Amino acid sequence: MNRLHRGLRVLALSAILAGSVSAMTSPVSMAQDAGPDVALRAKMAAITLDQEALPDGYTFVGEAFLTADQVASGSLDAKTLTDAGFQSQYVSIYENTESKGRIRSYVSAWTDDAAAQKGFDLLENETATSPDASLTDGDTSVGEEPHELTTGTYKDGDATIGTADITFRSGSMLVGVAVEKTDGSEADSKTAEQLATMAGQRASDVAGDKSPKFTDLGLPAQVLPLQSLGHEVQAGFISPSEAESIYGLQGSALTKLTASWSDTVGVGKGDDQVPYISVAVTTFGSADDAKAVVDHAADLNGTLANGKAIDGAKVDGADATAAFEFTSAVTGGDAVNSYRILYVKGSDVVVVDVQGAPNGDLAKQTAESLAKAQIGCLGQSECAAPSLPDGLAG
């Protein structure tokens, strides 16, 4: 079981058309290094479960890639992990506030199968990683060996968390699902087993270069690599129900998406990392379905503070474009400091979002530059991010 990310604080940022950036808790400060390559990032994010796979009542909180420094815990340090072949860890988190439930779906990538086995020994040594927890290891049949079920409780800040956590190897990946109770009560091992089995099937699909439903292993390569521009706080695939839960919608055009990849970084110099930049590319079954999202963008963006639709917005090469200026909820106040561009190209919808810039003009300039660069990436196997305007980071 990997509880090394149990204190994860994900900044739950909009994935497609969110009305504002809302901090669920404190943001994770992601290391600004190369990280895993885009193909590996796609595989890791495709393995973790989405909201469609979970029991009713669970909603998306956030998902992110973690470095060795962020995974290190207890007496297990980052150097030991990297020396063993650790490459990256990815985690998706969902919560059910009514039942006090939380589900963590995670995967860590290692250089080869032998490294993954060594990584299991390191991460599953709770005496080293979680010395204050009360945990018991048991058997599970999910996945390749080594594999185990860990149950019991641990502390997350002042809270006691009850957990049933299954970790298993799938080739050079360690995959896991933790079903948890944030009130400290006993977690459901049976549900953990069922969900871990689903994650195992997704891992098998990905190993065979098959994209699980609502993912596309080739899509992340077509999206601007924002992690090269700042501190990544959220990245991954977004399913239809996750997209709708973000906006409080039901039966919208978003239900027809086939895959969506979203990435958000903070480019600011301060601890809060403002301003934030988000880029999402979402594919639909038809050009008509994609255009419907842009046509109804004002409905999806109805909660923007001081929001104003921009007449005549245009991105060269796009089939249709919508744009909005607004005040970011992160910064508050009355000054317009954010800009959002949505456009459709064929059956793809692109959203570029810049929030909390020093002023509205810089937000617009940045969004337009990124939107122009992004349209050149669609359908390509690799993509490069442009330089950001001077003064954006304050």
Protein backbone atom coordinates (compact mmCIF):
# COMPACT_ATOMS: atom_id res chain seq x y z
CA MET A 1 0.00 0.00 0.00
CA ASN A 2 1.31 3.43 -0.84
CA ARG A 3 0.19 6.00 1.67
CA LEU A 4 3.13 8.24 0.91
CA HIS A 5 0.81 10.63 -0.88
CA ARG A 6 -1.91 10.48 1.76
CA GLY A 7 -1.28 14.10 2.79
CA LEU A 8 -1.66 15.19 -0.83
CA ARG A 9 -3.23 18.61 -1.18
CA VAL A 10 -4.54 18.98 -4.69
CA LEU A 11 -5.59 22.32 -6.04
CA ALA A 12 -8.84 21.35 -7.76
CA LEU A 13 -8.69 23.46 -10.88
CA SER A 14 -11.13 23.51 -13.75
CA ALA A 15 -10.55 20.84 -16.34
CA ILE A 16 -12.55 22.08 -19.29
CA LEU A 17 -14.69 25.17 -18.69
CA ALA A 18 -14.65 25.76 -14.95
CA GLY A 19 -16.12 28.95 -13.63
CA SER A 20 -13.23 29.69 -11.30
CA VAL A 21 -10.11 28.29 -9.74
CA SER A 22 -11.16 27.03 -6.31
CA ALA A 23 -8.63 25.78 -3.79
CA MET A 24 -10.02 22.66 -2.13
CA THR A 25 -7.01 22.75 0.18
CA SER A 26 -3.49 24.11 -0.14
CA PRO A 27 -1.83 23.62 -3.53
CA VAL A 28 0.87 21.09 -4.14
CA SER A 29 4.09 22.76 -5.20
CA MET A 30 5.20 20.61 -8.09
CA ALA A 31 8.90 20.45 -8.88
CA GLN A 32 9.74 22.20 -12.12
CA ASP A 33 11.75 19.43 -13.73
CA ALA A 34 11.38 17.34 -16.84
CA GLY A 35 9.31 14.64 -15.13
CA PRO A 36 8.07 11.61 -17.06
CA ASP A 37 7.84 11.89 -20.84
CA VAL A 38 4.46 12.58 -22.40
CA ALA A 39 3.84 8.94 -23.40
CA LEU A 40 4.44 7.74 -19.85
CA ARG A 41 2.28 10.54 -18.43
CA ALA A 42 -0.56 9.41 -20.70
CA LYS A 43 -0.25 5.79 -19.59
CA MET A 44 -0.15 6.59 -15.89
CA ALA A 45 -3.17 8.89 -16.04
CA ALA A 46 -5.14 6.37 -18.11
CA ILE A 47 -4.65 3.62 -15.52
CA THR A 48 -6.22 5.42 -12.57
CA LEU A 49 -9.98 5.08 -12.13
CA ASP A 50 -12.43 7.78 -13.18
CA GLN A 51 -15.70 8.84 -11.59
CA GLU A 52 -17.73 6.52 -13.84
CA ALA A 53 -16.08 3.50 -12.20
CA LEU A 54 -16.78 4.54 -8.60
CA PRO A 55 -19.79 3.95 -6.34
CA ASP A 56 -22.56 6.57 -6.47
CA GLY A 57 -21.95 9.77 -4.58
CA TYR A 58 -18.21 10.13 -5.20
CA THR A 59 -17.11 13.28 -6.98
CA PHE A 60 -13.81 14.38 -8.46
CA VAL A 61 -11.42 16.34 -6.23
CA GLY A 62 -8.19 16.46 -8.18
CA GLU A 63 -5.32 14.58 -9.78
CA ALA A 64 -1.62 15.26 -10.19
CA PHE A 65 1.83 13.86 -10.90
CA LEU A 66 4.17 13.67 -7.91
CA THR A 67 7.95 13.72 -7.72
CA ALA A 68 10.19 11.56 -5.53
CA ASP A 69 10.51 14.45 -3.08
CA GLN A 70 6.73 14.56 -2.69
CA VAL A 71 6.39 10.80 -2.34
CA ALA A 72 9.17 10.46 0.24
CA SER A 73 7.77 9.74 3.70
CA GLY A 74 9.00 8.79 7.16
CA SER A 75 12.54 7.48 6.90
CA LEU A 76 12.20 6.75 3.16
CA ASP A 77 13.91 9.61 1.31
CA ALA A 78 13.76 10.76 -2.30
CA LYS A 79 17.29 9.57 -3.17
CA THR A 80 16.48 6.02 -2.11
CA LEU A 81 13.43 6.07 -4.36
CA THR A 82 15.25 7.45 -7.41
CA ASP A 83 18.20 5.09 -6.89
CA ALA A 84 15.70 2.21 -6.93
CA GLY A 85 14.31 3.33 -10.30
CA PHE A 86 11.37 5.54 -9.31
CA GLN A 87 10.18 7.80 -12.16
CA SER A 88 6.92 9.38 -11.07
CA GLN A 89 3.69 8.82 -9.19
CA TYR A 90 0.19 9.83 -10.27
CA VAL A 91 -2.86 10.03 -8.02
CA SER A 92 -6.57 10.77 -8.52
CA ILE A 93 -8.78 11.61 -5.53
CA TYR A 94 -12.56 11.40 -5.13
CA GLU A 95 -14.73 12.12 -2.10
CA ASN A 96 -18.23 11.40 -0.85
CA THR A 97 -18.92 14.05 1.78
CA GLU A 98 -22.18 12.45 2.93
CA SER A 99 -20.66 9.05 3.70
CA LYS A 100 -17.29 10.48 4.82
CA GLY A 101 -15.71 8.42 2.07
CA ARG A 102 -12.57 9.01 0.05
CA ILE A 103 -11.09 6.96 -2.78
CA ARG A 104 -7.52 7.32 -3.96
CA SER A 105 -6.52 5.69 -7.23
CA TYR A 106 -2.78 5.78 -7.90
CA VAL A 107 0.08 4.45 -9.99
CA SER A 108 3.85 4.80 -9.78
CA ALA A 109 6.20 4.23 -12.71
CA TRP A 110 9.58 2.52 -12.39
CA THR A 111 12.40 1.92 -14.86
CA ASP A 112 11.64 -1.80 -15.29
CA ASP A 113 9.88 -4.76 -13.69
CA ALA A 114 12.72 -5.44 -11.26
CA ALA A 115 12.70 -1.81 -10.14
CA ALA A 116 8.95 -2.00 -9.54
CA GLN A 117 9.46 -5.05 -7.30
CA LYS A 118 12.13 -3.16 -5.37
CA GLY A 119 9.84 -0.14 -5.20
CA PHE A 120 7.07 -2.26 -3.72
CA ASP A 121 9.39 -3.37 -0.92
CA LEU A 122 10.28 0.24 -0.18
CA LEU A 123 6.82 1.75 -0.33
CA GLU A 124 5.05 -1.09 1.44
CA ASN A 125 7.38 -1.07 4.42
CA GLU A 126 4.97 0.77 6.71
CA THR A 127 7.44 0.66 9.60
CA ALA A 128 9.60 3.06 7.59
CA THR A 129 6.99 5.07 5.69
CA SER A 130 4.19 5.26 8.27
CA PRO A 131 5.69 4.58 11.71
CA ASP A 132 2.76 6.11 13.61
CA ALA A 133 0.01 4.26 11.72
CA SER A 134 -1.90 1.21 12.92
CA LEU A 135 -1.91 -1.01 9.83
CA THR A 136 -2.09 -4.72 9.00
CA ASP A 137 -1.01 -6.35 5.74
CA GLY A 138 -3.03 -9.15 4.20
CA ASP A 139 -3.40 -11.14 0.99
CA THR A 140 -5.07 -10.17 -2.26
CA SER A 141 -5.25 -11.89 -5.63
CA VAL A 142 -5.34 -8.67 -7.67
CA GLY A 143 -2.54 -8.05 -10.17
CA GLU A 144 0.92 -9.53 -10.51
CA GLU A 145 3.13 -10.31 -7.56
CA PRO A 146 4.01 -8.65 -5.32
CA HIS A 147 0.57 -7.54 -4.13
CA GLU A 148 -1.08 -6.91 -0.79
CA LEU A 149 -4.11 -5.53 1.03
CA THR A 150 -3.40 -3.15 3.89
CA THR A 151 -6.11 -2.22 6.39
CA GLY A 152 -6.24 -0.13 9.52
CA THR A 153 -5.95 3.55 10.37
CA TYR A 154 -3.49 6.39 9.97
CA LYS A 155 -3.35 10.08 10.80
CA ASP A 156 -3.84 12.79 8.17
CA GLY A 157 -3.23 15.97 10.11
CA ASP A 158 -5.68 15.92 13.02
CA ALA A 159 -7.97 13.40 11.33
CA THR A 160 -7.90 9.64 11.71
CA ILE A 161 -8.40 7.83 8.40
CA GLY A 162 -9.68 4.29 8.08
CA THR A 163 -8.22 2.60 5.01
CA ALA A 164 -8.47 -0.54 2.88
CA ASP A 165 -5.65 -0.18 0.36
CA ILE A 166 -4.69 -2.65 -2.34
CA THR A 167 -1.35 -2.30 -4.12
CA PHE A 168 -0.10 -4.59 -6.87
CA ARG A 169 2.47 -4.72 -9.64
CA SER A 170 1.60 -4.50 -13.33
CA GLY A 171 4.84 -4.81 -15.27
CA SER A 172 6.99 -1.82 -14.39
CA MET A 173 4.08 -0.04 -12.68
CA LEU A 174 2.80 -0.23 -9.12
CA VAL A 175 -0.96 0.28 -9.14
CA GLY A 176 -3.29 0.78 -6.22
CA VAL A 177 -6.71 1.79 -4.95
CA ALA A 178 -7.42 2.93 -1.40
CA VAL A 179 -11.00 3.02 -0.11
CA GLU A 180 -11.02 5.24 2.96
CA LYS A 181 -13.25 6.69 5.69
CA THR A 182 -12.35 10.19 6.80
CA ASP A 183 -14.14 9.69 10.14
CA GLY A 184 -11.76 6.88 11.11
CA SER A 185 -14.31 4.08 10.77
CA GLU A 186 -13.55 0.75 9.11
CA ALA A 187 -13.12 0.96 5.32
CA ASP A 188 -14.71 -1.56 2.93
CA SER A 189 -12.12 -4.10 1.76
CA LYS A 190 -14.58 -5.70 -0.66
CA THR A 191 -15.08 -2.43 -2.51
CA ALA A 192 -11.32 -1.91 -2.58
CA GLU A 193 -10.92 -5.35 -4.17
CA GLN A 194 -13.55 -4.61 -6.82
CA LEU A 195 -12.06 -1.24 -7.72
CA ALA A 196 -8.50 -2.56 -7.73
CA THR A 197 -9.59 -5.27 -10.18
CA MET A 198 -10.92 -2.54 -12.49
CA ALA A 199 -7.63 -0.66 -12.20
CA GLY A 200 -5.78 -3.87 -13.02
CA GLN A 201 -7.79 -4.27 -16.21
CA ARG A 202 -7.01 -0.68 -17.17
CA ALA A 203 -3.32 -1.32 -16.54
CA SER A 204 -3.47 -4.39 -18.80
CA ASP A 205 -5.19 -2.37 -21.52
CA VAL A 206 -2.58 0.37 -21.33
CA ALA A 207 0.26 -2.17 -21.45
CA GLY A 208 -1.25 -3.32 -24.75
CA ASP A 209 -1.48 0.28 -26.03
CA LYS A 210 -5.26 0.21 -25.68
CA SER A 211 -6.91 3.37 -24.37
CA PRO A 212 -9.47 2.77 -21.59
CA LYS A 213 -12.86 4.41 -22.08
CA PHE A 214 -12.81 8.23 -21.91
CA THR A 215 -9.05 8.29 -22.41
CA ASP A 216 -6.84 8.56 -25.50
CA LEU A 217 -3.17 7.66 -25.09
CA GLY A 218 -2.31 9.87 -28.07
CA LEU A 219 -4.13 12.97 -26.82
CA PRO A 220 -1.64 14.37 -24.24
CA ALA A 221 1.04 14.69 -26.94
CA GLN A 222 -1.30 17.10 -28.76
CA VAL A 223 -1.65 19.41 -25.74
CA LEU A 224 0.78 22.21 -24.91
CA PRO A 225 3.29 20.90 -22.31
CA LEU A 226 2.52 23.50 -19.66
CA GLN A 227 4.75 21.78 -17.09
CA SER A 228 7.67 23.34 -18.98
CA LEU A 229 6.31 26.79 -18.12
CA GLY A 230 5.62 26.57 -14.40
CA HIS A 231 4.69 24.46 -11.40
CA GLU A 232 2.17 21.80 -12.39
CA VAL A 233 -0.72 21.58 -9.94
CA GLN A 234 -3.13 19.37 -11.85
CA ALA A 235 -3.09 17.23 -14.98
CA GLY A 236 -4.96 14.28 -16.40
CA PHE A 237 -7.93 12.84 -18.24
CA ILE A 238 -11.41 14.07 -17.34
CA SER A 239 -14.48 11.88 -17.86
CA PRO A 240 -17.95 13.21 -18.78
CA SER A 241 -19.37 12.89 -15.26
CA GLU A 242 -16.30 14.59 -13.80
CA ALA A 243 -16.69 17.46 -16.23
CA GLU A 244 -20.36 17.88 -15.37
CA SER A 245 -19.78 17.61 -11.63
CA ILE A 246 -17.27 20.45 -11.84
CA TYR A 247 -19.96 22.73 -13.26
CA GLY A 248 -22.98 21.31 -11.49
CA LEU A 249 -24.55 20.26 -14.81
CA GLN A 250 -26.60 17.33 -16.01
CA GLY A 251 -27.28 16.29 -19.59
CA SER A 252 -25.07 18.99 -21.12
CA ALA A 253 -23.05 18.77 -24.32
CA LEU A 254 -20.12 17.62 -22.17
CA THR A 255 -21.68 14.16 -21.83
CA LYS A 256 -20.72 13.47 -25.44
CA LEU A 257 -16.98 13.87 -25.00
CA THR A 258 -14.86 10.84 -25.85
CA ALA A 259 -11.62 11.96 -24.16
CA SER A 260 -10.33 15.09 -22.48
CA TRP A 261 -6.83 16.01 -21.28
CA SER A 262 -6.34 19.04 -19.05
CA ASP A 263 -3.20 20.57 -17.58
CA THR A 264 -2.88 23.48 -15.14
CA VAL A 265 0.27 25.21 -13.91
CA GLY A 266 1.04 28.09 -11.63
CA VAL A 267 3.61 30.47 -13.10
CA GLY A 268 3.82 32.99 -10.26
CA LYS A 269 6.88 33.57 -8.11
CA GLY A 270 5.05 33.58 -4.77
CA ASP A 271 3.87 30.69 -2.63
CA ASP A 272 0.38 30.91 -4.12
CA GLN A 273 1.81 30.45 -7.67
CA VAL A 274 -0.69 32.93 -9.19
CA PRO A 275 -1.28 33.42 -12.08
CA TYR A 276 -2.59 30.05 -13.23
CA ILE A 277 -2.66 28.79 -16.80
CA SER A 278 -4.90 25.92 -17.94
CA VAL A 279 -5.14 24.26 -21.33
CA ALA A 280 -7.58 21.46 -22.11
CA VAL A 281 -8.21 19.58 -25.34
CA THR A 282 -11.43 17.57 -25.52
CA THR A 283 -12.46 15.29 -28.34
CA PHE A 284 -16.06 14.54 -29.30
CA GLY A 285 -17.74 11.98 -31.50
CA SER A 286 -18.64 14.56 -34.12
CA ALA A 287 -17.93 18.14 -35.14
CA ASP A 288 -21.55 19.04 -34.28
CA ASP A 289 -21.12 17.78 -30.71
CA ALA A 290 -17.91 19.78 -30.36
CA LYS A 291 -19.44 22.96 -31.76
CA ALA A 292 -22.37 22.67 -29.33
CA VAL A 293 -19.96 23.16 -26.42
CA VAL A 294 -18.60 26.41 -27.82
CA ASP A 295 -22.07 27.57 -28.86
CA HIS A 296 -23.25 27.14 -25.25
CA ALA A 297 -20.05 28.40 -23.61
CA ALA A 298 -21.86 31.32 -21.97
CA ASP A 299 -24.15 28.90 -20.12
CA LEU A 300 -21.18 26.91 -18.84
CA ASN A 301 -19.34 30.07 -17.81
CA GLY A 302 -22.24 31.67 -15.98
CA THR A 303 -20.49 31.90 -12.61
CA LEU A 304 -17.54 34.03 -13.74
CA ALA A 305 -17.12 37.09 -11.52
CA ASN A 306 -17.41 40.27 -13.61
CA GLY A 307 -17.62 37.98 -16.62
CA LYS A 308 -18.08 39.53 -20.04
CA ALA A 309 -18.29 37.80 -23.40
CA ILE A 310 -15.92 39.24 -26.01
CA ASP A 311 -17.55 40.11 -29.32
CA GLY A 312 -15.74 39.02 -32.48
CA ALA A 313 -13.25 36.72 -30.74
CA LYS A 314 -11.29 34.69 -33.28
CA VAL A 315 -8.51 32.13 -33.43
CA ASP A 316 -7.04 31.65 -36.91
CA GLY A 317 -7.83 28.17 -38.18
CA ALA A 318 -10.65 27.53 -35.71
CA ASP A 319 -14.19 26.72 -36.85
CA ALA A 320 -15.81 28.75 -34.05
CA THR A 321 -14.48 30.77 -31.12
CA ALA A 322 -15.79 32.25 -27.87
CA ALA A 323 -13.88 34.33 -25.33
CA PHE A 324 -14.54 35.83 -21.90
CA GLU A 325 -12.80 38.26 -19.58
CA PHE A 326 -13.41 38.02 -15.84
CA THR A 327 -12.03 38.35 -12.33
CA SER A 328 -10.42 35.24 -10.88
CA ALA A 329 -11.91 33.88 -7.66
CA VAL A 330 -8.35 33.17 -6.52
CA THR A 331 -7.46 36.85 -6.34
CA GLY A 332 -10.91 38.34 -5.72
CA GLY A 333 -11.46 42.07 -6.02
CA ASP A 334 -13.11 43.94 -8.86
CA ALA A 335 -10.32 44.26 -11.40
CA VAL A 336 -10.52 42.07 -14.50
CA ASN A 337 -7.41 39.91 -14.48
CA SER A 338 -8.36 36.72 -16.33
CA TYR A 339 -9.19 35.62 -19.86
CA ARG A 340 -10.66 32.44 -21.33
CA ILE A 341 -10.72 31.34 -24.96
CA LEU A 342 -12.77 28.40 -26.25
CA TYR A 343 -12.63 27.21 -29.82
CA VAL A 344 -13.60 24.24 -31.91
CA LYS A 345 -11.52 22.65 -34.66
CA GLY A 346 -13.25 19.70 -36.28
CA SER A 347 -14.33 17.43 -33.44
CA ASP A 348 -11.88 18.95 -30.92
CA VAL A 349 -12.66 21.65 -28.38
CA VAL A 350 -9.78 23.66 -26.94
CA VAL A 351 -10.01 25.76 -23.78
CA VAL A 352 -7.22 28.14 -22.78
CA ASP A 353 -7.61 29.81 -19.41
CA VAL A 354 -5.38 32.44 -17.78
CA GLN A 355 -6.37 33.45 -14.25
CA GLY A 356 -4.97 36.02 -11.84
CA ALA A 357 -2.66 37.88 -14.23
CA PRO A 358 -1.31 41.30 -13.17
CA ASN A 359 -3.92 42.88 -15.44
CA GLY A 360 -6.54 41.99 -18.03
CA ASP A 361 -4.36 42.90 -21.01
CA LEU A 362 -1.63 40.47 -19.99
CA ALA A 363 -4.21 37.75 -19.38
CA LYS A 364 -5.62 38.28 -22.87
CA GLN A 365 -2.19 38.43 -24.51
CA THR A 366 -1.14 35.19 -22.84
CA ALA A 367 -4.36 33.36 -23.66
CA GLU A 368 -4.22 34.40 -27.31
CA SER A 369 -0.58 33.30 -27.63
CA LEU A 370 -1.32 29.89 -26.11
CA ALA A 371 -4.48 29.43 -28.19
CA LYS A 372 -2.52 30.12 -31.38
CA ALA A 373 0.20 27.65 -30.40
CA GLN A 374 -2.32 24.99 -29.36
CA ILE A 375 -4.17 24.90 -32.67
CA GLY A 376 -0.89 23.98 -34.36
CA CYS A 377 -0.51 20.99 -32.03
CA LEU A 378 -3.82 19.30 -32.83
CA GLY A 379 -3.28 16.06 -34.71
CA GLN A 380 0.47 16.13 -34.08
CA SER A 381 2.65 13.65 -32.20
CA GLU A 382 4.54 16.32 -30.26
CA CYS A 383 4.00 19.88 -29.16
CA ALA A 384 6.05 22.77 -27.79
CA ALA A 385 4.85 25.59 -25.54
CA PRO A 386 5.60 29.21 -26.48
CA SER A 387 7.38 31.66 -24.21
CA LEU A 388 5.18 33.57 -21.81
CA PRO A 389 4.87 37.37 -22.04
CA ASP A 390 7.18 39.47 -19.88
CA GLY A 391 5.60 40.56 -16.65
CA LEU A 392 3.01 37.76 -16.42
CA ALA A 393 4.54 36.32 -13.28
CA GLY A 394 4.50 39.70 -11.56
